[in-house]
Amino acid sequence: MSDGFSHLDSEGNVRMVDVGGKQVTPRRAVAEVVVTLDDPVRDRLFTGDLPKGDALAMVRVAAIMAAKRTPELVPLCHPVSLDAVTVDIEPIEAGARIVVTATVAARTGVEMEAMTGAAVGAVALYDMIKGLDRGAEIGSLRLVSKSGGKSGEWHR
């Protein structure tokens, strides 16, 4: 009945996957999200001229905190002891691109941590600029790449 879904048992009940038998390997995941901004707001964001202060620092802290708290937010996500989380924010024509990289040596991957970090980073950015750009949009949250474990490397 599970039809190959690892989070369902043979009767279709939700379960946490048992990763106890897997080997600990280095794992890495990269996720990105785009926040669409008006040009003047994008410029102010990257020159540090926003009324609420240093939005880029706030986005980085929010993304890192969210990555660390992912198992509390995603019900079947295993808690892992993250080795590192990096957050890069770059200007793009549409606004800003937030890229979160999560690394760990563990029995399970860190895709959810990277994606959760990117999502919450985008929400934090929206909070920092909403007074200047109510039309800002969060979109295109996606996994960019992952490596480690039995499935090896994957790149979008």
C-alpha atoms as a PDB file:
ATOM      1  CA  MET A   1       0.000   0.000   0.000  1.00  0.00           C
ATOM      2  CA  SER A   2       2.937   2.364   0.497  1.00  0.00           C
ATOM      3  CA  ASP A   3       3.606   2.367  -3.281  1.00  0.00           C
ATOM      4  CA  GLY A   4       7.272   3.149  -2.707  1.00  0.00           C
ATOM      5  CA  PHE A   5       6.739   6.106  -0.392  1.00  0.00           C
ATOM      6  CA  SER A   6       9.292   5.659   2.383  1.00  0.00           C
ATOM      7  CA  HIS A   7       7.197   7.539   4.939  1.00  0.00           C
ATOM      8  CA  LEU A   8       4.341   5.037   4.708  1.00  0.00           C
ATOM      9  CA  ASP A   9       4.323   1.535   6.141  1.00  0.00           C
ATOM     10  CA  SER A  10       2.851  -1.494   4.359  1.00  0.00           C
ATOM     11  CA  GLU A  11      -0.642  -0.528   5.572  1.00  0.00           C
ATOM     12  CA  GLY A  12      -0.375   3.097   4.465  1.00  0.00           C
ATOM     13  CA  ASN A  13       0.260   4.545   7.910  1.00  0.00           C
ATOM     14  CA  VAL A  14       2.625   7.474   8.287  1.00  0.00           C
ATOM     15  CA  ARG A  15       5.955   6.585   9.872  1.00  0.00           C
ATOM     16  CA  MET A  16       9.390   8.034  10.395  1.00  0.00           C
ATOM     17  CA  VAL A  17      11.911   6.241   8.203  1.00  0.00           C
ATOM     18  CA  ASP A  18      14.416   4.092  10.097  1.00  0.00           C
ATOM     19  CA  VAL A  19      17.870   5.350   9.086  1.00  0.00           C
ATOM     20  CA  GLY A  20      19.685   3.427  11.829  1.00  0.00           C
ATOM     21  CA  GLY A  21      21.194   0.938   9.387  1.00  0.00           C
ATOM     22  CA  LYS A  22      22.540   3.569   6.996  1.00  0.00           C
ATOM     23  CA  GLN A  23      26.175   4.635   6.993  1.00  0.00           C
ATOM     24  CA  VAL A  24      27.188   8.055   8.204  1.00  0.00           C
ATOM     25  CA  THR A  25      28.461   9.956   5.159  1.00  0.00           C
ATOM     26  CA  PRO A  26      29.168  13.608   4.360  1.00  0.00           C
ATOM     27  CA  ARG A  27      26.029  15.190   2.934  1.00  0.00           C
ATOM     28  CA  ARG A  28      25.381  18.565   1.376  1.00  0.00           C
ATOM     29  CA  ALA A  29      22.278  20.274   0.011  1.00  0.00           C
ATOM     30  CA  VAL A  30      21.809  23.616  -1.711  1.00  0.00           C
ATOM     31  CA  ALA A  31      18.430  25.336  -2.018  1.00  0.00           C
ATOM     32  CA  GLU A  32      17.439  28.673  -3.466  1.00  0.00           C
ATOM     33  CA  VAL A  33      14.513  31.043  -3.416  1.00  0.00           C
ATOM     34  CA  VAL A  34      13.807  34.226  -5.336  1.00  0.00           C
ATOM     35  CA  VAL A  35      12.201  37.314  -3.809  1.00  0.00           C
ATOM     36  CA  THR A  36      10.840  39.678  -6.455  1.00  0.00           C
ATOM     37  CA  LEU A  37      11.356  43.327  -5.504  1.00  0.00           C
ATOM     38  CA  ASP A  38      10.858  46.739  -7.045  1.00  0.00           C
ATOM     39  CA  ASP A  39      14.181  48.044  -8.427  1.00  0.00           C
ATOM     40  CA  PRO A  40      14.532  50.902  -5.896  1.00  0.00           C
ATOM     41  CA  VAL A  41      13.897  48.513  -2.989  1.00  0.00           C
ATOM     42  CA  ARG A  42      16.404  45.997  -4.366  1.00  0.00           C
ATOM     43  CA  ASP A  43      18.980  48.776  -4.610  1.00  0.00           C
ATOM     44  CA  ARG A  44      18.330  49.932  -1.049  1.00  0.00           C
ATOM     45  CA  LEU A  45      18.522  46.348   0.216  1.00  0.00           C
ATOM     46  CA  PHE A  46      21.993  45.821  -1.226  1.00  0.00           C
ATOM     47  CA  THR A  47      23.324  49.247  -0.228  1.00  0.00           C
ATOM     48  CA  GLY A  48      22.117  48.778   3.349  1.00  0.00           C
ATOM     49  CA  ASP A  49      19.711  51.702   3.235  1.00  0.00           C
ATOM     50  CA  LEU A  50      16.504  50.212   4.644  1.00  0.00           C
ATOM     51  CA  PRO A  51      14.471  51.765   7.468  1.00  0.00           C
ATOM     52  CA  LYS A  52      14.531  48.510   9.488  1.00  0.00           C
ATOM     53  CA  GLY A  53      18.308  48.171   9.329  1.00  0.00           C
ATOM     54  CA  ASP A  54      20.591  45.485   7.935  1.00  0.00           C
ATOM     55  CA  ALA A  55      18.144  43.185   6.177  1.00  0.00           C
ATOM     56  CA  LEU A  56      20.880  40.983   4.725  1.00  0.00           C
ATOM     57  CA  ALA A  57      22.187  40.119   8.197  1.00  0.00           C
ATOM     58  CA  MET A  58      18.640  39.446   9.370  1.00  0.00           C
ATOM     59  CA  VAL A  59      17.986  37.110   6.424  1.00  0.00           C
ATOM     60  CA  ARG A  60      21.172  35.165   7.138  1.00  0.00           C
ATOM     61  CA  VAL A  61      20.344  34.726  10.820  1.00  0.00           C
ATOM     62  CA  ALA A  62      16.729  33.743  10.086  1.00  0.00           C
ATOM     63  CA  ALA A  63      17.780  31.194   7.464  1.00  0.00           C
ATOM     64  CA  ILE A  64      20.380  29.612   9.744  1.00  0.00           C
ATOM     65  CA  MET A  65      17.963  29.469  12.680  1.00  0.00           C
ATOM     66  CA  ALA A  66      15.274  27.894  10.492  1.00  0.00           C
ATOM     67  CA  ALA A  67      17.651  25.260   9.117  1.00  0.00           C
ATOM     68  CA  LYS A  68      18.565  24.306  12.685  1.00  0.00           C
ATOM     69  CA  ARG A  69      14.880  24.017  13.678  1.00  0.00           C
ATOM     70  CA  THR A  70      13.682  22.078  10.613  1.00  0.00           C
ATOM     71  CA  PRO A  71      12.712  18.874  12.496  1.00  0.00           C
ATOM     72  CA  GLU A  72      10.362  20.956  14.668  1.00  0.00           C
ATOM     73  CA  LEU A  73       8.620  22.300  11.555  1.00  0.00           C
ATOM     74  CA  VAL A  74       8.617  19.309   9.182  1.00  0.00           C
ATOM     75  CA  PRO A  75       6.891  16.434  11.002  1.00  0.00           C
ATOM     76  CA  LEU A  76       8.862  13.420   9.712  1.00  0.00           C
ATOM     77  CA  CYS A  77      12.247  15.096   9.323  1.00  0.00           C
ATOM     78  CA  HIS A  78      15.081  13.521  11.314  1.00  0.00           C
ATOM     79  CA  PRO A  79      16.996  15.785  13.674  1.00  0.00           C
ATOM     80  CA  VAL A  80      20.583  16.118  12.471  1.00  0.00           C
ATOM     81  CA  SER A  81      23.513  17.916  13.993  1.00  0.00           C
ATOM     82  CA  LEU A  82      24.333  20.355  11.212  1.00  0.00           C
ATOM     83  CA  ASP A  83      28.009  20.960  10.567  1.00  0.00           C
ATOM     84  CA  ALA A  84      27.450  24.215   8.705  1.00  0.00           C
ATOM     85  CA  VAL A  85      24.804  26.408   7.115  1.00  0.00           C
ATOM     86  CA  THR A  86      25.789  29.197   4.757  1.00  0.00           C
ATOM     87  CA  VAL A  87      23.492  31.826   3.328  1.00  0.00           C
ATOM     88  CA  ASP A  88      24.311  33.855   0.245  1.00  0.00           C
ATOM     89  CA  ILE A  89      22.078  36.683  -0.932  1.00  0.00           C
ATOM     90  CA  GLU A  90      22.677  38.177  -4.335  1.00  0.00           C
ATOM     91  CA  PRO A  91      20.983  40.857  -6.385  1.00  0.00           C
ATOM     92  CA  ILE A  92      19.290  39.654  -9.546  1.00  0.00           C
ATOM     93  CA  GLU A  93      17.272  41.579 -12.089  1.00  0.00           C
ATOM     94  CA  ALA A  94      13.996  40.496 -10.486  1.00  0.00           C
ATOM     95  CA  GLY A  95      15.111  41.302  -6.927  1.00  0.00           C
ATOM     96  CA  ALA A  96      17.116  38.977  -4.677  1.00  0.00           C
ATOM     97  CA  ARG A  97      18.192  35.350  -4.777  1.00  0.00           C
ATOM     98  CA  ILE A  98      18.808  33.597  -1.460  1.00  0.00           C
ATOM     99  CA  VAL A  99      20.968  30.463  -1.575  1.00  0.00           C
ATOM    100  CA  VAL A 100      21.258  28.232   1.491  1.00  0.00           C
ATOM    101  CA  THR A 101      23.818  25.442   1.753  1.00  0.00           C
ATOM    102  CA  ALA A 102      23.576  22.894   4.565  1.00  0.00           C
ATOM    103  CA  THR A 103      26.241  20.294   5.364  1.00  0.00           C
ATOM    104  CA  VAL A 104      26.368  17.391   7.781  1.00  0.00           C
ATOM    105  CA  ALA A 105      27.961  14.008   8.359  1.00  0.00           C
ATOM    106  CA  ALA A 106      24.900  11.856   9.031  1.00  0.00           C
ATOM    107  CA  ARG A 107      22.722   8.921   8.021  1.00  0.00           C
ATOM    108  CA  THR A 108      20.195  11.137   6.262  1.00  0.00           C
ATOM    109  CA  GLY A 109      20.317  14.149   3.969  1.00  0.00           C
ATOM    110  CA  VAL A 110      19.890  17.840   4.634  1.00  0.00           C
ATOM    111  CA  GLU A 111      17.646  18.864   1.733  1.00  0.00           C
ATOM    112  CA  MET A 112      14.834  19.868   4.071  1.00  0.00           C
ATOM    113  CA  GLU A 113      17.175  21.980   6.193  1.00  0.00           C
ATOM    114  CA  ALA A 114      18.454  23.863   3.148  1.00  0.00           C
ATOM    115  CA  MET A 115      14.937  24.401   1.779  1.00  0.00           C
ATOM    116  CA  THR A 116      13.496  25.447   5.146  1.00  0.00           C
ATOM    117  CA  GLY A 117      16.360  27.895   5.620  1.00  0.00           C
ATOM    118  CA  ALA A 118      15.765  29.417   2.194  1.00  0.00           C
ATOM    119  CA  ALA A 119      12.002  29.684   2.762  1.00  0.00           C
ATOM    120  CA  VAL A 120      12.284  31.366   6.149  1.00  0.00           C
ATOM    121  CA  GLY A 121      15.083  33.611   4.902  1.00  0.00           C
ATOM    122  CA  ALA A 122      12.728  34.809   2.169  1.00  0.00           C
ATOM    123  CA  VAL A 123       9.943  35.473   4.677  1.00  0.00           C
ATOM    124  CA  ALA A 124      12.396  37.425   6.856  1.00  0.00           C
ATOM    125  CA  LEU A 125      13.432  39.476   3.828  1.00  0.00           C
ATOM    126  CA  TYR A 126       9.788  40.198   3.032  1.00  0.00           C
ATOM    127  CA  ASP A 127       9.283  41.348   6.615  1.00  0.00           C
ATOM    128  CA  MET A 128      12.219  43.737   6.327  1.00  0.00           C
ATOM    129  CA  ILE A 129      10.988  45.394   3.099  1.00  0.00           C
ATOM    130  CA  LYS A 130       7.186  45.081   3.254  1.00  0.00           C
ATOM    131  CA  GLY A 131       6.747  48.713   4.242  1.00  0.00           C
ATOM    132  CA  LEU A 132       8.501  49.817   1.052  1.00  0.00           C
ATOM    133  CA  ASP A 133       7.288  47.152  -1.389  1.00  0.00           C
ATOM    134  CA  ARG A 134       3.931  45.560  -0.616  1.00  0.00           C
ATOM    135  CA  GLY A 135       4.003  43.870  -4.002  1.00  0.00           C
ATOM    136  CA  ALA A 136       7.138  41.848  -3.235  1.00  0.00           C
ATOM    137  CA  GLU A 137       6.733  38.142  -4.007  1.00  0.00           C
ATOM    138  CA  ILE A 138       8.392  34.991  -2.749  1.00  0.00           C
ATOM    139  CA  GLY A 139       8.693  32.322  -5.404  1.00  0.00           C
ATOM    140  CA  SER A 140      10.778  29.596  -6.991  1.00  0.00           C
ATOM    141  CA  LEU A 141      11.811  27.784  -3.829  1.00  0.00           C
ATOM    142  CA  ARG A 142      13.729  24.741  -5.021  1.00  0.00           C
ATOM    143  CA  LEU A 143      16.498  22.294  -4.342  1.00  0.00           C
ATOM    144  CA  VAL A 144      19.514  23.109  -6.513  1.00  0.00           C
ATOM    145  CA  SER A 145      21.752  20.163  -5.643  1.00  0.00           C
ATOM    146  CA  LYS A 146      22.433  17.440  -3.121  1.00  0.00           C
ATOM    147  CA  SER A 147      25.261  15.029  -2.481  1.00  0.00           C
ATOM    148  CA  GLY A 148      26.115  12.174  -0.171  1.00  0.00           C
ATOM    149  CA  GLY A 149      24.512   8.954   0.858  1.00  0.00           C
ATOM    150  CA  LYS A 150      23.593   6.017  -1.314  1.00  0.00           C
ATOM    151  CA  SER A 151      21.922   8.103  -4.022  1.00  0.00           C
ATOM    152  CA  GLY A 152      25.092  10.155  -4.595  1.00  0.00           C
ATOM    153  CA  GLU A 153      25.000  13.480  -6.396  1.00  0.00           C
ATOM    154  CA  TRP A 154      22.043  15.267  -7.939  1.00  0.00           C
ATOM    155  CA  HIS A 155      22.070  18.660  -9.651  1.00  0.00           C
ATOM    156  CA  ARG A 156      19.173  20.604 -11.111  1.00  0.00           C
END
